Amino acid sequence: MDARVLRSLLGEDVVLDPNDALVHYLRVTMHTLGEVLDEIATAYRPVNTGAAARFDAAAEASRRSCRELSAAVDPSTT
């Protein structure tokens, strides 16, 4: 989920406050999901490289969403 999707869910005129609990929760959740997917990819790598590659891609997408959300609420993070 990136900032555009979040804004479309909440309304275009919403201001994302970096100190808001929901924003913090989303950032932490996306970051943690990326770490979990990395661990799964590491476990699969020796036995199924195709699955590992898919988990690697999902982990990167999660980290990218976290960075995009961070940049949307606090441009100084980019």
Protein backbone atom coordinates (compact mmCIF):
# COMPACT_ATOMS: atom_id res chain seq x y z
CA MET A 1 0.00 0.00 0.00
CA ASP A 2 1.47 3.32 -0.95
CA ALA A 3 0.43 6.85 -0.02
CA ARG A 4 -1.80 7.20 -3.11
CA VAL A 5 -3.81 4.14 -2.13
CA LEU A 6 -4.04 5.29 1.48
CA ARG A 7 -5.24 8.73 0.39
CA SER A 8 -7.83 7.21 -1.94
CA LEU A 9 -9.14 5.11 0.94
CA LEU A 10 -9.26 8.03 3.35
CA GLY A 11 -10.12 10.82 0.92
CA GLU A 12 -7.93 12.94 -1.33
CA ASP A 13 -7.77 15.89 1.05
CA VAL A 14 -6.44 13.91 3.99
CA VAL A 15 -3.15 15.10 5.45
CA LEU A 16 -0.95 12.27 6.60
CA ASP A 17 0.63 13.19 9.91
CA PRO A 18 3.90 11.32 10.57
CA ASN A 19 3.00 11.25 14.28
CA ASP A 20 -0.44 9.72 13.68
CA ALA A 21 -0.83 6.28 15.26
CA LEU A 22 -2.33 4.77 12.07
CA VAL A 23 0.56 6.02 9.95
CA HIS A 24 3.06 4.68 12.48
CA TYR A 25 1.26 1.34 12.62
CA LEU A 26 1.24 1.03 8.81
CA ARG A 27 4.94 1.88 8.55
CA VAL A 28 5.92 -0.62 11.25
CA THR A 29 3.65 -3.30 9.78
CA MET A 30 5.05 -2.91 6.26
CA HIS A 31 8.62 -2.90 7.58
CA THR A 32 7.99 -6.02 9.67
CA LEU A 33 6.28 -7.75 6.76
CA GLY A 34 9.36 -7.10 4.64
CA GLU A 35 11.56 -8.71 7.30
CA VAL A 36 9.27 -11.75 7.61
CA LEU A 37 9.22 -12.22 3.83
CA ASP A 38 13.03 -12.00 3.79
CA GLU A 39 13.21 -14.80 6.36
CA ILE A 40 10.82 -16.96 4.33
CA ALA A 41 12.84 -16.33 1.17
CA THR A 42 16.02 -17.34 3.00
CA ALA A 43 14.39 -20.57 4.15
CA TYR A 44 13.14 -21.43 0.64
CA ARG A 45 16.31 -20.49 -1.23
CA PRO A 46 18.08 -23.89 -0.82
CA VAL A 47 15.06 -25.95 -1.91
CA ASN A 48 13.00 -23.75 -4.24
CA THR A 49 14.71 -20.78 -5.87
CA GLY A 50 11.54 -19.77 -7.72
CA ALA A 51 9.57 -19.43 -4.50
CA ALA A 52 12.48 -17.62 -2.87
CA ALA A 53 12.56 -15.11 -5.73
CA ARG A 54 8.83 -14.44 -5.33
CA PHE A 55 9.25 -13.86 -1.58
CA ASP A 56 12.24 -11.59 -2.29
CA ALA A 57 10.08 -9.55 -4.68
CA ALA A 58 7.26 -9.33 -2.14
CA ALA A 59 9.69 -8.23 0.57
CA GLU A 60 11.07 -5.50 -1.68
CA ALA A 61 7.54 -4.33 -2.55
CA SER A 62 6.73 -4.11 1.16
CA ARG A 63 9.89 -2.10 1.86
CA ARG A 64 9.17 0.17 -1.12
CA SER A 65 5.63 0.82 0.17
CA CYS A 66 7.05 1.65 3.58
CA ARG A 67 9.51 4.13 2.01
CA GLU A 68 6.75 5.69 -0.13
CA LEU A 69 4.49 6.12 2.88
CA SER A 70 7.36 7.60 4.88
CA ALA A 71 8.14 10.02 2.06
CA ALA A 72 4.48 11.01 1.74
CA VAL A 73 4.13 11.91 5.39
CA ASP A 74 7.64 13.26 5.92
CA PRO A 75 9.47 14.36 2.75
CA SER A 76 12.72 14.77 4.71
CA THR A 77 12.97 10.95 4.88
CA THR A 78 13.78 10.67 1.17
